[in-house]
Amino acid sequence: MGAQERWDQKMNAEFNPGYSAPDYPHTDARVANAAEFAAFQLFKIREAMEGIRESLGEIAKNR
């Protein structure tokens, strides 16, 4: 699996804060992980909203 596939799989999965009891990650790493995940999800929401807007524009044009 390539780097892009791993990235997509990680970002499209349910959020994982990266916590494991034996290897507790530093707070900065957990915050960075959460921020990266949130930014990706907001990007996906934006993409979806743009698609909806375009579809509604097409519907309005054809009325």
Protein backbone atom coordinates (compact mmCIF):
# COMPACT_ATOMS: atom_id res chain seq x y z
CA MET A 1 0.00 0.00 0.00
CA GLY A 2 1.35 3.38 -1.00
CA ALA A 3 1.64 6.50 1.13
CA GLN A 4 -1.43 8.12 -0.45
CA GLU A 5 -3.53 5.00 0.15
CA ARG A 6 -2.42 4.86 3.82
CA TRP A 7 -3.24 8.58 4.21
CA ASP A 8 -6.70 8.15 2.68
CA GLN A 9 -7.39 5.09 4.80
CA LYS A 10 -6.32 6.88 7.99
CA MET A 11 -8.27 10.06 7.25
CA ASN A 12 -11.43 8.28 6.13
CA ALA A 13 -11.50 6.03 9.19
CA GLU A 14 -13.16 6.88 12.47
CA PHE A 15 -11.03 9.30 14.49
CA ASN A 16 -8.31 7.66 16.57
CA PRO A 17 -6.58 10.00 19.03
CA GLY A 18 -3.46 7.83 18.88
CA TYR A 19 -3.65 6.71 22.51
CA SER A 20 -2.17 3.45 23.67
CA ALA A 21 -1.43 2.85 27.34
CA PRO A 22 2.10 1.43 26.92
CA ASP A 23 3.18 4.12 24.47
CA TYR A 24 1.27 7.24 25.48
CA PRO A 25 2.03 9.88 22.83
CA HIS A 26 3.04 13.36 23.80
CA THR A 27 0.21 15.91 24.07
CA ASP A 28 1.53 17.87 21.08
CA ALA A 29 1.41 14.75 18.91
CA ARG A 30 -2.19 14.02 19.96
CA VAL A 31 -3.26 17.63 19.33
CA ALA A 32 -1.55 17.64 15.92
CA ASN A 33 -3.24 14.34 15.04
CA ALA A 34 -6.66 15.72 16.05
CA ALA A 35 -6.13 19.00 14.16
CA GLU A 36 -5.00 17.18 11.03
CA PHE A 37 -8.03 14.88 11.17
CA ALA A 38 -10.43 17.81 11.74
CA ALA A 39 -8.93 19.79 8.86
CA PHE A 40 -9.30 16.81 6.52
CA GLN A 41 -12.92 16.28 7.57
CA LEU A 42 -13.71 19.98 7.03
CA PHE A 43 -12.16 19.74 3.57
CA LYS A 44 -14.40 16.76 2.77
CA ILE A 45 -17.45 18.67 4.02
CA ARG A 46 -16.48 21.63 1.83
CA GLU A 47 -16.16 19.35 -1.20
CA ALA A 48 -19.60 17.89 -0.50
CA MET A 49 -21.17 21.32 -0.04
CA GLU A 50 -19.68 22.55 -3.33
CA GLY A 51 -21.13 19.50 -5.08
CA ILE A 52 -24.55 20.18 -3.56
CA ARG A 53 -24.34 23.85 -4.58
CA GLU A 54 -23.48 22.89 -8.15
CA SER A 55 -26.33 20.39 -8.29
CA LEU A 56 -28.81 22.92 -6.96
CA GLY A 57 -27.57 25.44 -9.51
CA GLU A 58 -28.19 22.94 -12.31
CA ILE A 59 -31.67 22.17 -10.97
CA ALA A 60 -32.51 25.87 -10.75
CA LYS A 61 -31.25 26.43 -14.31
CA ASN A 62 -33.47 23.67 -15.69
CA ARG A 63 -36.69 24.92 -14.12
